[in-house]
Each structure stands twice: as structure tokens, then as C-alpha cells.
């Protein structure tokens, strides 16, 4: 179990910041050289007004400060995201409820189906990690929880692995809704990716933290 931040994102940000700072320094030196040449070769009978020099310096300085301010804001944003990541560390070992694929290790899984009120029949569809359908069974309409034992029609248990569940609601034989089923999964890792907090669940499934609808103690 670990808490990580995308090294690729961090490396890219560092390189971009370094490149920006180098560019500013280089541009400023070039600007000073051009300003010196401008003063050296100005028309002695019609010298450039000192106000123009001051305006040029102020303009370049303003651009430089704006870029540095953006870098500072980026740094503060990174710190805030990291702080949020530390807070989310408390989720490791907990069970979160979402529509992400669930890890089946031989123990029954509790499913929380959502069914359409207008449905007169419903089916539970189970798919493996490749998306292939491995089971389809009729269920009672209006059921709020289901226990999936992970056993086929021949009585043999399904292989250990990740499974996705879906409720197909029908009315008069026509499909009126296909809804993902929520399950509880253990959080093994919390990761920051592109500014979003990602939870890595048992079996390697990932889900964004804002897609979690409930939380409970592990083993509940």
C-alpha cells in the first residue's frame, strides 16, 4: 500500500518551470544588449527620450513578474494537491462504494443494484475483466441488494479476478435501461494524477475519488 504522485507529471512540471526561468534570464540579457546598442547608436542630434527607456524596462519587467507569478501559483497549487493527497491517505484499507469493477476472490460480493421503476423484469449481467459476458440471471425487480456467489450454472466457482456488474431493466420484453451496479471494494493505494485523486482498489481497478458514493470500514 502506498501513496504516489505521477512522476511523469512532476518531471514535466519541473522541466517546464526550469525552461521558463532559463528563457526569462536569456531574454532579459538579450533585451539589455539591445537596449545598450540602442543607446550606443542613437542619433546624438535626436536622442531617445529617457522616458522611452523607462517604459521599455517597465514593460519587460512586468512580463517577467507575470511569468514568475504564474510559476508561484503553480507551486502553490501543487502543494495544495499534495496536502489533499495526504488527507486522502486515511482511505487506504477502507472500503469504498462505486460502479468500478470489483475483485472476486472466491467470497460472495454484495451488490447494490439500481433499477428503473417502470421495469417489470430485470437481469443481472456479469462481465469479466475483458468485457466478455460470463453470466446473465433474472433477478427480482425492486431488489436493493444482491449477493453474488460467483458460481456458474454448473456449480463451479468463477476464477479469481475482476468483474463488472450491470442491471438490464425491461418492460414488456423491451430493454429500457442498462445500469452499472455499485459494489464495495478495498482501497489499496491513493494516487494523484493530473490534479485528480485516484483510488486504486483491490485487483488493480481504479476510480476517481469524486465517483465514490459511500465509505465503510474494511471487512464490514
C-alpha atoms as a PDB file:
ATOM      1  CA  UNK A   1       0.000   0.000   0.000  1.00  0.00           C
ATOM      2  CA  UNK A   2       1.496   3.348  -0.966  1.00  0.00           C
ATOM      3  CA  UNK A   3       0.702   6.928  -1.834  1.00  0.00           C
ATOM      4  CA  UNK A   4       2.305   8.158  -5.020  1.00  0.00           C
ATOM      5  CA  UNK A   5       2.207  11.124  -7.345  1.00  0.00           C
ATOM      6  CA  UNK A   6       2.672  10.723 -11.071  1.00  0.00           C
ATOM      7  CA  UNK A   7       6.434  11.026 -11.613  1.00  0.00           C
ATOM      8  CA  UNK A   8       5.879  11.837 -15.253  1.00  0.00           C
ATOM      9  CA  UNK A   9       3.679  14.809 -14.342  1.00  0.00           C
ATOM     10  CA  UNK A  10       6.184  16.023 -11.727  1.00  0.00           C
ATOM     11  CA  UNK A  11       9.081  15.684 -14.188  1.00  0.00           C
ATOM     12  CA  UNK A  12       7.200  17.545 -16.885  1.00  0.00           C
ATOM     13  CA  UNK A  13       6.296  20.374 -14.485  1.00  0.00           C
ATOM     14  CA  UNK A  14       9.891  20.668 -13.276  1.00  0.00           C
ATOM     15  CA  UNK A  15      11.245  20.793 -16.825  1.00  0.00           C
ATOM     16  CA  UNK A  16       8.664  23.389 -17.834  1.00  0.00           C
ATOM     17  CA  UNK A  17       9.496  25.587 -14.826  1.00  0.00           C
ATOM     18  CA  UNK A  18      13.223  25.279 -15.486  1.00  0.00           C
ATOM     19  CA  UNK A  19      12.752  26.095 -19.165  1.00  0.00           C
ATOM     20  CA  UNK A  20      10.638  29.155 -18.300  1.00  0.00           C
ATOM     21  CA  UNK A  21      13.229  30.504 -15.862  1.00  0.00           C
ATOM     22  CA  UNK A  22      16.051  29.944 -18.352  1.00  0.00           C
ATOM     23  CA  UNK A  23      14.037  31.631 -21.097  1.00  0.00           C
ATOM     24  CA  UNK A  24      13.363  34.682 -18.907  1.00  0.00           C
ATOM     25  CA  UNK A  25      17.035  35.022 -17.995  1.00  0.00           C
ATOM     26  CA  UNK A  26      18.131  34.656 -21.624  1.00  0.00           C
ATOM     27  CA  UNK A  27      15.517  37.106 -22.905  1.00  0.00           C
ATOM     28  CA  UNK A  28      16.430  39.662 -20.261  1.00  0.00           C
ATOM     29  CA  UNK A  29      20.131  39.538 -21.233  1.00  0.00           C
ATOM     30  CA  UNK A  30      19.231  39.923 -24.908  1.00  0.00           C
ATOM     31  CA  UNK A  31      16.960  42.844 -24.023  1.00  0.00           C
ATOM     32  CA  UNK A  32      19.762  44.594 -22.130  1.00  0.00           C
ATOM     33  CA  UNK A  33      22.148  44.061 -25.044  1.00  0.00           C
ATOM     34  CA  UNK A  34      19.613  45.543 -27.449  1.00  0.00           C
ATOM     35  CA  UNK A  35      18.960  48.442 -25.092  1.00  0.00           C
ATOM     36  CA  UNK A  36      22.713  49.132 -24.802  1.00  0.00           C
ATOM     37  CA  UNK A  37      23.100  49.031 -28.593  1.00  0.00           C
ATOM     38  CA  UNK A  38      20.134  51.351 -28.930  1.00  0.00           C
ATOM     39  CA  UNK A  39      21.758  53.859 -26.580  1.00  0.00           C
ATOM     40  CA  UNK A  40      25.155  53.497 -28.302  1.00  0.00           C
ATOM     41  CA  UNK A  41      23.902  54.056 -31.829  1.00  0.00           C
ATOM     42  CA  UNK A  42      21.179  56.599 -31.197  1.00  0.00           C
ATOM     43  CA  UNK A  43      21.177  59.827 -33.141  1.00  0.00           C
ATOM     44  CA  UNK A  44      23.153  62.324 -30.998  1.00  0.00           C
ATOM     45  CA  UNK A  45      21.123  65.159 -32.545  1.00  0.00           C
ATOM     46  CA  UNK A  46      17.855  63.414 -31.722  1.00  0.00           C
ATOM     47  CA  UNK A  47      18.474  61.189 -28.668  1.00  0.00           C
ATOM     48  CA  UNK A  48      15.836  58.795 -27.461  1.00  0.00           C
ATOM     49  CA  UNK A  49      13.799  60.163 -24.610  1.00  0.00           C
ATOM     50  CA  UNK A  50      14.717  58.653 -21.239  1.00  0.00           C
ATOM     51  CA  UNK A  51      11.005  58.068 -20.685  1.00  0.00           C
ATOM     52  CA  UNK A  52      11.032  55.600 -23.572  1.00  0.00           C
ATOM     53  CA  UNK A  53      13.842  53.670 -21.899  1.00  0.00           C
ATOM     54  CA  UNK A  54      11.909  53.570 -18.645  1.00  0.00           C
ATOM     55  CA  UNK A  55       8.784  52.374 -20.480  1.00  0.00           C
ATOM     56  CA  UNK A  56      10.689  49.552 -22.195  1.00  0.00           C
ATOM     57  CA  UNK A  57      12.260  48.406 -18.929  1.00  0.00           C
ATOM     58  CA  UNK A  58       8.927  48.558 -17.107  1.00  0.00           C
ATOM     59  CA  UNK A  59       7.179  46.572 -19.846  1.00  0.00           C
ATOM     60  CA  UNK A  60       9.752  43.789 -19.846  1.00  0.00           C
ATOM     61  CA  UNK A  61       9.855  43.747 -16.047  1.00  0.00           C
ATOM     62  CA  UNK A  62       6.053  43.440 -15.960  1.00  0.00           C
ATOM     63  CA  UNK A  63       6.119  40.423 -18.284  1.00  0.00           C
ATOM     64  CA  UNK A  64       8.867  38.828 -16.222  1.00  0.00           C
ATOM     65  CA  UNK A  65       6.922  39.296 -12.995  1.00  0.00           C
ATOM     66  CA  UNK A  66       3.756  37.863 -14.570  1.00  0.00           C
ATOM     67  CA  UNK A  67       5.580  34.680 -15.580  1.00  0.00           C
ATOM     68  CA  UNK A  68       7.161  34.341 -12.145  1.00  0.00           C
ATOM     69  CA  UNK A  69       3.741  34.854 -10.545  1.00  0.00           C
ATOM     70  CA  UNK A  70       2.307  32.034 -12.659  1.00  0.00           C
ATOM     71  CA  UNK A  71       5.164  29.783 -11.527  1.00  0.00           C
ATOM     72  CA  UNK A  72       4.412  30.672  -7.893  1.00  0.00           C
ATOM     73  CA  UNK A  73       0.703  29.925  -8.335  1.00  0.00           C
ATOM     74  CA  UNK A  74       1.572  26.578  -9.948  1.00  0.00           C
ATOM     75  CA  UNK A  75       3.791  25.750  -6.972  1.00  0.00           C
ATOM     76  CA  UNK A  76       1.012  26.643  -4.515  1.00  0.00           C
ATOM     77  CA  UNK A  77      -1.488  24.525  -6.471  1.00  0.00           C
ATOM     78  CA  UNK A  78       0.874  21.547  -6.332  1.00  0.00           C
ATOM     79  CA  UNK A  79       1.300  21.975  -2.575  1.00  0.00           C
ATOM     80  CA  UNK A  80      -2.471  22.126  -2.072  1.00  0.00           C
ATOM     81  CA  UNK A  81      -2.990  18.985  -4.159  1.00  0.00           C
ATOM     82  CA  UNK A  82      -0.307  17.169  -2.197  1.00  0.00           C
ATOM     83  CA  UNK A  83      -1.951  18.230   1.057  1.00  0.00           C
ATOM     84  CA  UNK A  84      -5.250  16.809  -0.170  1.00  0.00           C
ATOM     85  CA  UNK A  85      -3.466  13.589  -1.099  1.00  0.00           C
ATOM     86  CA  UNK A  86      -2.147  13.245   2.444  1.00  0.00           C
ATOM     87  CA  UNK A  87      -5.678  13.705   3.801  1.00  0.00           C
ATOM     88  CA  UNK A  88      -6.951  11.004   1.428  1.00  0.00           C
ATOM     89  CA  UNK A  89      -4.344   8.583   2.824  1.00  0.00           C
ATOM     90  CA  UNK A  90      -6.859   7.723   5.536  1.00  0.00           C
ATOM     91  CA  UNK A  91      -8.878   5.882   2.885  1.00  0.00           C
ATOM     92  CA  UNK A  92      -6.224   3.183   2.461  1.00  0.00           C
ATOM     93  CA  UNK A  93      -7.613  -0.024   3.933  1.00  0.00           C
ATOM     94  CA  UNK A  94     -11.192   1.282   3.886  1.00  0.00           C
ATOM     95  CA  UNK A  95     -13.942   0.031   1.574  1.00  0.00           C
ATOM     96  CA  UNK A  96     -15.488   2.460  -0.902  1.00  0.00           C
ATOM     97  CA  UNK A  97     -18.690   2.080  -2.866  1.00  0.00           C
ATOM     98  CA  UNK A  98     -18.677   2.787  -6.598  1.00  0.00           C
ATOM     99  CA  UNK A  99     -19.568   1.345 -10.001  1.00  0.00           C
ATOM    100  CA  UNK A 100     -15.945   0.323 -10.602  1.00  0.00           C
ATOM    101  CA  UNK A 101     -15.187  -3.326 -11.369  1.00  0.00           C
ATOM    102  CA  UNK A 102     -14.998  -5.455  -8.214  1.00  0.00           C
ATOM    103  CA  UNK A 103     -12.355  -8.010  -7.270  1.00  0.00           C
ATOM    104  CA  UNK A 104     -13.723 -11.518  -6.676  1.00  0.00           C
ATOM    105  CA  UNK A 105     -11.518 -13.783  -4.549  1.00  0.00           C
ATOM    106  CA  UNK A 106     -13.972 -16.611  -4.011  1.00  0.00           C
ATOM    107  CA  UNK A 107     -16.031 -14.825  -1.362  1.00  0.00           C
ATOM    108  CA  UNK A 108     -19.577 -13.604  -2.230  1.00  0.00           C
ATOM    109  CA  UNK A 109     -19.906  -9.968  -3.285  1.00  0.00           C
ATOM    110  CA  UNK A 110     -22.698  -7.679  -2.122  1.00  0.00           C
ATOM    111  CA  UNK A 111     -24.209  -5.718  -4.999  1.00  0.00           C
ATOM    112  CA  UNK A 112     -26.345  -2.556  -4.783  1.00  0.00           C
ATOM    113  CA  UNK A 113     -28.395  -2.518  -8.000  1.00  0.00           C
ATOM    114  CA  UNK A 114     -30.296   0.485  -9.354  1.00  0.00           C
ATOM    115  CA  UNK A 115     -33.415  -0.447 -11.267  1.00  0.00           C
ATOM    116  CA  UNK A 116     -35.875   1.555 -13.305  1.00  0.00           C
ATOM    117  CA  UNK A 117     -39.268   1.883 -11.609  1.00  0.00           C
ATOM    118  CA  UNK A 118     -41.103   1.157 -14.867  1.00  0.00           C
ATOM    119  CA  UNK A 119     -39.360  -2.209 -15.315  1.00  0.00           C
ATOM    120  CA  UNK A 120     -41.415  -5.384 -14.988  1.00  0.00           C
ATOM    121  CA  UNK A 121     -38.411  -7.725 -15.300  1.00  0.00           C
ATOM    122  CA  UNK A 122     -34.682  -7.343 -14.702  1.00  0.00           C
ATOM    123  CA  UNK A 123     -31.477  -9.269 -15.303  1.00  0.00           C
ATOM    124  CA  UNK A 124     -28.064  -9.196 -13.687  1.00  0.00           C
ATOM    125  CA  UNK A 125     -25.301  -9.268 -16.283  1.00  0.00           C
ATOM    126  CA  UNK A 126     -21.760 -10.174 -15.194  1.00  0.00           C
ATOM    127  CA  UNK A 127     -18.693  -9.450 -17.323  1.00  0.00           C
ATOM    128  CA  UNK A 128     -15.062 -10.399 -16.763  1.00  0.00           C
ATOM    129  CA  UNK A 129     -12.113  -8.022 -16.959  1.00  0.00           C
ATOM    130  CA  UNK A 130     -12.008  -8.290 -20.763  1.00  0.00           C
ATOM    131  CA  UNK A 131     -15.641  -7.185 -21.001  1.00  0.00           C
ATOM    132  CA  UNK A 132     -16.935 -10.587 -22.079  1.00  0.00           C
ATOM    133  CA  UNK A 133     -20.297 -11.618 -20.634  1.00  0.00           C
ATOM    134  CA  UNK A 134     -19.889 -14.638 -18.329  1.00  0.00           C
ATOM    135  CA  UNK A 135     -23.300 -14.791 -16.677  1.00  0.00           C
ATOM    136  CA  UNK A 136     -26.854 -13.455 -17.067  1.00  0.00           C
ATOM    137  CA  UNK A 137     -29.531 -14.236 -14.491  1.00  0.00           C
ATOM    138  CA  UNK A 138     -33.036 -12.978 -13.769  1.00  0.00           C
ATOM    139  CA  UNK A 139     -33.495 -11.027 -10.544  1.00  0.00           C
ATOM    140  CA  UNK A 140     -36.466  -9.666  -8.659  1.00  0.00           C
ATOM    141  CA  UNK A 141     -37.457  -6.125  -9.630  1.00  0.00           C
ATOM    142  CA  UNK A 142     -37.027  -3.598  -6.863  1.00  0.00           C
ATOM    143  CA  UNK A 143     -34.235  -5.528  -5.101  1.00  0.00           C
ATOM    144  CA  UNK A 144     -31.931  -3.126  -3.223  1.00  0.00           C
ATOM    145  CA  UNK A 145     -29.132  -5.585  -2.503  1.00  0.00           C
ATOM    146  CA  UNK A 146     -27.953  -8.812  -4.121  1.00  0.00           C
ATOM    147  CA  UNK A 147     -25.449 -11.437  -3.080  1.00  0.00           C
ATOM    148  CA  UNK A 148     -23.358 -12.685  -5.982  1.00  0.00           C
ATOM    149  CA  UNK A 149     -21.795 -16.009  -5.049  1.00  0.00           C
ATOM    150  CA  UNK A 150     -19.585 -16.189  -8.116  1.00  0.00           C
ATOM    151  CA  UNK A 151     -20.841 -19.637  -9.078  1.00  0.00           C
ATOM    152  CA  UNK A 152     -21.832 -20.747 -12.583  1.00  0.00           C
ATOM    153  CA  UNK A 153     -24.910 -22.757 -13.559  1.00  0.00           C
ATOM    154  CA  UNK A 154     -22.815 -25.924 -13.302  1.00  0.00           C
ATOM    155  CA  UNK A 155     -21.965 -25.142  -9.685  1.00  0.00           C
ATOM    156  CA  UNK A 156     -18.328 -24.388 -10.437  1.00  0.00           C
ATOM    157  CA  UNK A 157     -16.924 -21.141  -8.989  1.00  0.00           C
ATOM    158  CA  UNK A 158     -15.755 -18.416 -11.320  1.00  0.00           C
ATOM    159  CA  UNK A 159     -11.991 -17.749 -11.473  1.00  0.00           C
ATOM    160  CA  UNK A 160     -10.497 -15.209  -9.104  1.00  0.00           C
ATOM    161  CA  UNK A 161     -10.372 -11.847 -10.828  1.00  0.00           C
ATOM    162  CA  UNK A 162     -12.092  -8.561 -11.592  1.00  0.00           C
ATOM    163  CA  UNK A 163     -15.767  -8.498 -12.613  1.00  0.00           C
ATOM    164  CA  UNK A 164     -18.166  -5.779 -13.773  1.00  0.00           C
ATOM    165  CA  UNK A 165     -21.886  -5.906 -12.966  1.00  0.00           C
ATOM    166  CA  UNK A 166     -24.852  -4.376 -14.781  1.00  0.00           C
ATOM    167  CA  UNK A 167     -28.615  -4.414 -14.357  1.00  0.00           C
ATOM    168  CA  UNK A 168     -30.692  -4.676 -17.525  1.00  0.00           C
ATOM    169  CA  UNK A 169     -34.207  -3.369 -16.857  1.00  0.00           C
ATOM    170  CA  UNK A 170     -37.015  -4.391 -19.233  1.00  0.00           C
ATOM    171  CA  UNK A 171     -40.643  -3.556 -19.800  1.00  0.00           C
ATOM    172  CA  UNK A 172     -42.871  -5.781 -21.924  1.00  0.00           C
ATOM    173  CA  UNK A 173     -39.741  -7.566 -23.160  1.00  0.00           C
ATOM    174  CA  UNK A 174     -38.020  -4.350 -24.288  1.00  0.00           C
ATOM    175  CA  UNK A 175     -34.834  -3.049 -22.688  1.00  0.00           C
ATOM    176  CA  UNK A 176     -35.488   0.348 -21.110  1.00  0.00           C
ATOM    177  CA  UNK A 177     -32.260   0.798 -19.112  1.00  0.00           C
ATOM    178  CA  UNK A 178     -28.801  -0.689 -18.616  1.00  0.00           C
ATOM    179  CA  UNK A 179     -27.359   0.494 -15.308  1.00  0.00           C
ATOM    180  CA  UNK A 180     -23.932  -0.215 -13.734  1.00  0.00           C
ATOM    181  CA  UNK A 181     -24.103  -1.846 -10.307  1.00  0.00           C
ATOM    182  CA  UNK A 182     -22.326  -0.434  -7.268  1.00  0.00           C
ATOM    183  CA  UNK A 183     -20.163  -2.635  -5.055  1.00  0.00           C
ATOM    184  CA  UNK A 184     -17.751  -2.125  -2.160  1.00  0.00           C
ATOM    185  CA  UNK A 185     -14.013  -2.537  -2.807  1.00  0.00           C
ATOM    186  CA  UNK A 186     -10.943  -2.128  -0.593  1.00  0.00           C
ATOM    187  CA  UNK A 187      -8.653   0.840  -1.251  1.00  0.00           C
ATOM    188  CA  UNK A 188      -5.028  -0.257  -1.651  1.00  0.00           C
ATOM    189  CA  UNK A 189      -3.483   2.998  -2.829  1.00  0.00           C
ATOM    190  CA  UNK A 190      -4.221   6.707  -3.254  1.00  0.00           C
ATOM    191  CA  UNK A 191      -2.676   8.415  -6.280  1.00  0.00           C
ATOM    192  CA  UNK A 192      -2.592  11.980  -7.618  1.00  0.00           C
ATOM    193  CA  UNK A 193      -2.934  12.049 -11.393  1.00  0.00           C
ATOM    194  CA  UNK A 194      -3.435  15.223 -13.411  1.00  0.00           C
ATOM    195  CA  UNK A 195      -4.802  17.113 -10.408  1.00  0.00           C
ATOM    196  CA  UNK A 196      -7.368  14.386  -9.617  1.00  0.00           C
ATOM    197  CA  UNK A 197      -7.223  11.965  -6.703  1.00  0.00           C
ATOM    198  CA  UNK A 198      -7.383   8.377  -7.941  1.00  0.00           C
ATOM    199  CA  UNK A 199      -8.121   5.394  -5.711  1.00  0.00           C
ATOM    200  CA  UNK A 200      -6.507   2.074  -6.624  1.00  0.00           C
ATOM    201  CA  UNK A 201      -8.787  -0.721  -5.492  1.00  0.00           C
ATOM    202  CA  UNK A 202      -8.243  -4.420  -4.845  1.00  0.00           C
ATOM    203  CA  UNK A 203      -7.477  -6.170  -8.100  1.00  0.00           C
ATOM    204  CA  UNK A 204      -5.895  -3.061  -9.615  1.00  0.00           C
ATOM    205  CA  UNK A 205      -9.144  -1.314 -10.558  1.00  0.00           C
ATOM    206  CA  UNK A 206      -9.030   2.482 -10.306  1.00  0.00           C
ATOM    207  CA  UNK A 207     -11.766   5.017  -9.575  1.00  0.00           C
ATOM    208  CA  UNK A 208     -11.747   8.799  -9.145  1.00  0.00           C
ATOM    209  CA  UNK A 209     -12.440   9.908  -5.570  1.00  0.00           C
ATOM    210  CA  UNK A 210     -15.396  12.036  -6.693  1.00  0.00           C
ATOM    211  CA  UNK A 211     -17.102   8.914  -8.092  1.00  0.00           C
ATOM    212  CA  UNK A 212     -17.252   7.241  -4.667  1.00  0.00           C
ATOM    213  CA  UNK A 213     -20.758   7.273  -3.145  1.00  0.00           C
ATOM    214  CA  UNK A 214     -20.121   5.644   0.246  1.00  0.00           C
ATOM    215  CA  UNK A 215     -17.349   4.622   2.643  1.00  0.00           C
ATOM    216  CA  UNK A 216     -17.075   1.982   5.349  1.00  0.00           C
ATOM    217  CA  UNK A 217     -14.500   0.179   7.469  1.00  0.00           C
ATOM    218  CA  UNK A 218     -12.679  -2.683   5.782  1.00  0.00           C
ATOM    219  CA  UNK A 219     -14.202  -6.095   6.368  1.00  0.00           C
ATOM    220  CA  UNK A 220     -17.633  -4.659   7.219  1.00  0.00           C
END
